[in-house]
Amino acid sequence: MIKTITQQEVQVSDSCNDCGSFVDIGTVIDEQDTRLILKITGDAVAEEAEDIITKAKIRFDSVKVNSEQTEADITVIIDFEFTAEKMIFQLENGL
């Protein structure tokens, strides 16, 4: 099981009374939000962590990856060059 343990804290003020979807894109996407931290738990943590790391390295050339292992889980830290890369990776992998 993969759990994202850090998310960008966003304060969005919805100003559209009819559709409920208008927001300033700058409040949703922060150009400094390039780090994705995933905590992987379950039966095959090493395989899942390696799969995520491989996918990130194949998809983006400039990605930097670190991992920290405990007895129960592995925390994978992926640093992307751009926020858009992080968002694309999350969408492509359902994170």
N, C-alpha and C. Protein backbone atom coordinates (compact mmCIF):
# COMPACT_ATOMS: atom_id res chain seq x y z
N MET A 1 0.84 -1.17 0.00
CA MET A 1 0.00 0.00 0.00
C MET A 1 0.89 1.24 0.00
N ILE A 2 0.59 2.18 -0.88
CA ILE A 2 1.37 3.41 -0.98
C ILE A 2 0.52 4.55 -0.45
N LYS A 3 1.10 5.32 0.43
CA LYS A 3 0.39 6.45 1.01
C LYS A 3 1.25 7.69 0.84
N THR A 4 0.67 8.75 0.29
CA THR A 4 1.37 10.01 0.20
C THR A 4 1.32 10.64 1.58
N ILE A 5 2.49 10.92 2.16
CA ILE A 5 2.47 11.41 3.53
C ILE A 5 2.63 12.92 3.63
N THR A 6 2.93 13.57 2.53
CA THR A 6 2.91 15.03 2.57
C THR A 6 2.13 15.53 1.37
N GLN A 7 1.31 16.47 1.59
CA GLN A 7 0.55 17.12 0.54
C GLN A 7 0.73 18.62 0.69
N GLN A 8 0.62 19.31 -0.40
CA GLN A 8 0.68 20.76 -0.35
C GLN A 8 -0.56 21.26 0.39
N GLU A 9 -0.35 22.10 1.37
CA GLU A 9 -1.46 22.68 2.11
C GLU A 9 -2.00 23.86 1.30
N VAL A 10 -3.22 23.74 0.81
CA VAL A 10 -3.79 24.76 -0.05
C VAL A 10 -5.03 25.35 0.61
N GLN A 11 -5.08 26.65 0.66
CA GLN A 11 -6.26 27.35 1.13
C GLN A 11 -6.94 27.93 -0.11
N VAL A 12 -8.03 27.32 -0.54
CA VAL A 12 -8.72 27.74 -1.75
C VAL A 12 -10.01 28.43 -1.36
N SER A 13 -10.21 29.60 -1.92
CA SER A 13 -11.44 30.33 -1.72
C SER A 13 -12.28 30.17 -2.99
N ASP A 14 -13.35 29.43 -2.91
CA ASP A 14 -14.21 29.17 -4.06
C ASP A 14 -15.11 30.38 -4.27
N SER A 15 -14.93 31.08 -5.39
CA SER A 15 -15.71 32.30 -5.61
C SER A 15 -16.83 32.14 -6.63
N CYS A 16 -17.07 30.93 -7.10
CA CYS A 16 -18.13 30.71 -8.08
C CYS A 16 -19.31 30.04 -7.39
N ASN A 17 -20.38 30.78 -7.21
CA ASN A 17 -21.55 30.25 -6.52
C ASN A 17 -22.33 29.25 -7.36
N ASP A 18 -22.23 29.35 -8.68
CA ASP A 18 -23.02 28.47 -9.56
C ASP A 18 -22.36 27.12 -9.80
N CYS A 19 -21.06 27.16 -10.16
CA CYS A 19 -20.43 25.90 -10.56
C CYS A 19 -19.52 25.32 -9.49
N GLY A 20 -19.04 26.11 -8.57
CA GLY A 20 -18.20 25.61 -7.49
C GLY A 20 -16.85 25.12 -7.95
N SER A 21 -16.32 25.68 -9.04
CA SER A 21 -15.06 25.17 -9.54
C SER A 21 -14.04 26.23 -9.91
N PHE A 22 -14.32 27.49 -9.78
CA PHE A 22 -13.37 28.54 -10.16
C PHE A 22 -12.39 28.79 -9.03
N VAL A 23 -11.10 28.61 -9.32
CA VAL A 23 -10.04 28.93 -8.37
C VAL A 23 -8.88 29.55 -9.13
N ASP A 24 -8.08 30.31 -8.46
CA ASP A 24 -6.86 30.84 -9.04
C ASP A 24 -5.84 29.71 -9.09
N ILE A 25 -5.35 29.39 -10.27
CA ILE A 25 -4.46 28.24 -10.43
C ILE A 25 -3.20 28.38 -9.56
N GLY A 26 -2.80 29.59 -9.25
CA GLY A 26 -1.64 29.80 -8.39
C GLY A 26 -1.86 29.34 -6.96
N THR A 27 -3.11 29.19 -6.55
CA THR A 27 -3.37 28.68 -5.20
C THR A 27 -3.34 27.16 -5.17
N VAL A 28 -3.40 26.52 -6.32
CA VAL A 28 -3.41 25.07 -6.39
C VAL A 28 -2.02 24.53 -6.73
N ILE A 29 -1.31 25.22 -7.61
CA ILE A 29 0.01 24.77 -8.05
C ILE A 29 1.06 25.73 -7.51
N ASP A 30 1.96 25.21 -6.69
CA ASP A 30 3.05 26.01 -6.15
C ASP A 30 4.33 25.58 -6.86
N GLU A 31 5.05 26.52 -7.46
CA GLU A 31 6.25 26.17 -8.23
C GLU A 31 7.34 25.53 -7.37
N GLN A 32 7.28 25.66 -6.07
CA GLN A 32 8.28 25.06 -5.18
C GLN A 32 7.87 23.66 -4.70
N ASP A 33 6.69 23.20 -5.08
CA ASP A 33 6.17 21.91 -4.64
C ASP A 33 6.68 20.81 -5.57
N THR A 34 7.95 20.45 -5.42
CA THR A 34 8.58 19.48 -6.31
C THR A 34 8.94 18.17 -5.61
N ARG A 35 8.69 18.06 -4.33
CA ARG A 35 9.06 16.86 -3.57
C ARG A 35 7.83 16.02 -3.28
N LEU A 36 7.93 14.74 -3.63
CA LEU A 36 6.87 13.78 -3.35
C LEU A 36 7.41 12.77 -2.34
N ILE A 37 6.72 12.63 -1.22
CA ILE A 37 7.14 11.69 -0.18
C ILE A 37 6.07 10.62 -0.06
N LEU A 38 6.48 9.37 -0.27
CA LEU A 38 5.56 8.24 -0.23
C LEU A 38 5.99 7.27 0.85
N LYS A 39 5.05 6.83 1.65
CA LYS A 39 5.31 5.81 2.66
C LYS A 39 4.69 4.52 2.15
N ILE A 40 5.52 3.50 1.95
CA ILE A 40 5.06 2.25 1.38
C ILE A 40 5.05 1.19 2.48
N THR A 41 3.88 0.58 2.67
CA THR A 41 3.72 -0.46 3.68
C THR A 41 3.08 -1.68 3.03
N GLY A 42 3.10 -2.77 3.71
CA GLY A 42 2.45 -3.97 3.20
C GLY A 42 3.42 -5.13 3.08
N ASP A 43 3.04 -6.11 2.27
CA ASP A 43 3.81 -7.34 2.14
C ASP A 43 5.08 -7.19 1.29
N ALA A 44 4.98 -6.52 0.17
CA ALA A 44 6.10 -6.44 -0.78
C ALA A 44 6.63 -5.01 -0.87
N VAL A 45 7.03 -4.45 0.27
CA VAL A 45 7.44 -3.04 0.28
C VAL A 45 8.66 -2.78 -0.59
N ALA A 46 9.64 -3.66 -0.57
CA ALA A 46 10.86 -3.44 -1.36
C ALA A 46 10.55 -3.44 -2.85
N GLU A 47 9.71 -4.36 -3.29
CA GLU A 47 9.36 -4.43 -4.70
C GLU A 47 8.54 -3.22 -5.13
N GLU A 48 7.58 -2.80 -4.30
CA GLU A 48 6.77 -1.63 -4.62
C GLU A 48 7.63 -0.37 -4.66
N ALA A 49 8.53 -0.22 -3.71
CA ALA A 49 9.41 0.95 -3.68
C ALA A 49 10.29 0.97 -4.92
N GLU A 50 10.86 -0.15 -5.27
CA GLU A 50 11.73 -0.23 -6.45
C GLU A 50 10.94 0.07 -7.72
N ASP A 51 9.69 -0.39 -7.78
CA ASP A 51 8.84 -0.12 -8.93
C ASP A 51 8.59 1.38 -9.09
N ILE A 52 8.25 2.04 -8.00
CA ILE A 52 8.00 3.49 -8.03
C ILE A 52 9.27 4.24 -8.43
N ILE A 53 10.39 3.88 -7.84
CA ILE A 53 11.66 4.54 -8.15
C ILE A 53 12.01 4.36 -9.62
N THR A 54 11.85 3.15 -10.15
CA THR A 54 12.15 2.88 -11.56
C THR A 54 11.25 3.69 -12.48
N LYS A 55 9.95 3.73 -12.16
CA LYS A 55 9.02 4.52 -12.97
C LYS A 55 9.40 5.99 -13.00
N ALA A 56 9.79 6.53 -11.85
CA ALA A 56 10.17 7.95 -11.78
C ALA A 56 11.43 8.23 -12.60
N LYS A 57 12.42 7.35 -12.49
CA LYS A 57 13.67 7.55 -13.21
C LYS A 57 13.51 7.38 -14.72
N ILE A 58 12.65 6.47 -15.13
CA ILE A 58 12.40 6.27 -16.56
C ILE A 58 11.63 7.45 -17.14
N ARG A 59 10.64 7.93 -16.41
CA ARG A 59 9.75 9.00 -16.91
C ARG A 59 10.44 10.36 -16.96
N PHE A 60 11.29 10.66 -15.96
CA PHE A 60 11.93 11.97 -15.87
C PHE A 60 13.43 11.80 -15.64
N ASP A 61 14.23 12.35 -16.54
CA ASP A 61 15.69 12.18 -16.48
C ASP A 61 16.32 12.84 -15.26
N SER A 62 15.81 13.97 -14.84
CA SER A 62 16.48 14.76 -13.79
C SER A 62 15.96 14.47 -12.38
N VAL A 63 15.15 13.44 -12.21
CA VAL A 63 14.58 13.13 -10.90
C VAL A 63 15.67 12.61 -9.97
N LYS A 64 15.56 13.00 -8.68
CA LYS A 64 16.48 12.52 -7.65
C LYS A 64 15.65 11.75 -6.63
N VAL A 65 16.14 10.57 -6.25
CA VAL A 65 15.36 9.69 -5.38
C VAL A 65 16.19 9.25 -4.18
N ASN A 66 15.58 9.29 -3.02
CA ASN A 66 16.16 8.75 -1.79
C ASN A 66 15.12 7.84 -1.16
N SER A 67 15.58 6.90 -0.36
CA SER A 67 14.63 6.06 0.37
C SER A 67 15.17 5.77 1.76
N GLU A 68 14.24 5.62 2.69
CA GLU A 68 14.57 5.33 4.08
C GLU A 68 13.75 4.12 4.49
N GLN A 69 14.41 3.07 4.95
CA GLN A 69 13.72 1.83 5.30
C GLN A 69 13.72 1.62 6.80
N THR A 70 12.56 1.20 7.31
CA THR A 70 12.43 0.75 8.69
C THR A 70 12.00 -0.71 8.64
N GLU A 71 11.74 -1.29 9.77
CA GLU A 71 11.30 -2.69 9.80
C GLU A 71 9.93 -2.87 9.14
N ALA A 72 9.06 -1.88 9.25
CA ALA A 72 7.69 -2.02 8.78
C ALA A 72 7.40 -1.36 7.44
N ASP A 73 8.22 -0.40 7.00
CA ASP A 73 7.89 0.33 5.79
C ASP A 73 9.12 0.93 5.12
N ILE A 74 8.90 1.48 3.95
CA ILE A 74 9.94 2.23 3.23
C ILE A 74 9.34 3.58 2.87
N THR A 75 10.07 4.65 3.15
CA THR A 75 9.67 5.98 2.73
C THR A 75 10.52 6.36 1.53
N VAL A 76 9.85 6.65 0.42
CA VAL A 76 10.52 7.05 -0.82
C VAL A 76 10.34 8.54 -0.98
N ILE A 77 11.45 9.25 -1.19
CA ILE A 77 11.43 10.69 -1.38
C ILE A 77 11.91 10.97 -2.80
N ILE A 78 11.01 11.55 -3.60
CA ILE A 78 11.31 11.83 -5.00
C ILE A 78 11.32 13.34 -5.19
N ASP A 79 12.46 13.86 -5.65
CA ASP A 79 12.59 15.29 -5.95
C ASP A 79 12.56 15.48 -7.46
N PHE A 80 11.53 16.17 -7.94
CA PHE A 80 11.38 16.46 -9.35
C PHE A 80 11.98 17.83 -9.65
N GLU A 81 12.31 18.08 -10.91
CA GLU A 81 12.85 19.37 -11.29
C GLU A 81 11.77 20.44 -11.32
N PHE A 82 10.57 20.05 -11.72
CA PHE A 82 9.46 21.00 -11.84
C PHE A 82 8.20 20.43 -11.18
N THR A 83 7.34 21.31 -10.71
CA THR A 83 6.08 20.91 -10.10
C THR A 83 5.22 20.12 -11.08
N ALA A 84 5.23 20.53 -12.35
CA ALA A 84 4.43 19.83 -13.36
C ALA A 84 4.85 18.36 -13.47
N GLU A 85 6.14 18.08 -13.36
CA GLU A 85 6.61 16.70 -13.42
C GLU A 85 6.03 15.89 -12.26
N LYS A 86 6.02 16.48 -11.08
CA LYS A 86 5.46 15.80 -9.91
C LYS A 86 3.98 15.50 -10.13
N MET A 87 3.25 16.48 -10.62
CA MET A 87 1.83 16.30 -10.84
C MET A 87 1.55 15.24 -11.91
N ILE A 88 2.32 15.24 -12.99
CA ILE A 88 2.16 14.26 -14.05
C ILE A 88 2.43 12.86 -13.50
N PHE A 89 3.50 12.72 -12.73
CA PHE A 89 3.86 11.43 -12.15
C PHE A 89 2.75 10.92 -11.23
N GLN A 90 2.22 11.80 -10.40
CA GLN A 90 1.14 11.41 -9.49
C GLN A 90 -0.09 10.96 -10.27
N LEU A 91 -0.45 11.70 -11.30
CA LEU A 91 -1.62 11.34 -12.10
C LEU A 91 -1.42 10.03 -12.84
N GLU A 92 -0.25 9.85 -13.43
CA GLU A 92 0.03 8.63 -14.19
C GLU A 92 0.04 7.37 -13.31
N ASN A 93 0.40 7.54 -12.04
CA ASN A 93 0.54 6.40 -11.15
C ASN A 93 -0.52 6.32 -10.07
N GLY A 94 -1.53 7.15 -10.15
CA GLY A 94 -2.64 7.11 -9.19
C GLY A 94 -2.22 7.40 -7.77
N LEU A 95 -1.31 8.34 -7.59
CA LEU A 95 -0.82 8.67 -6.24
C LEU A 95 -1.49 9.92 -5.71
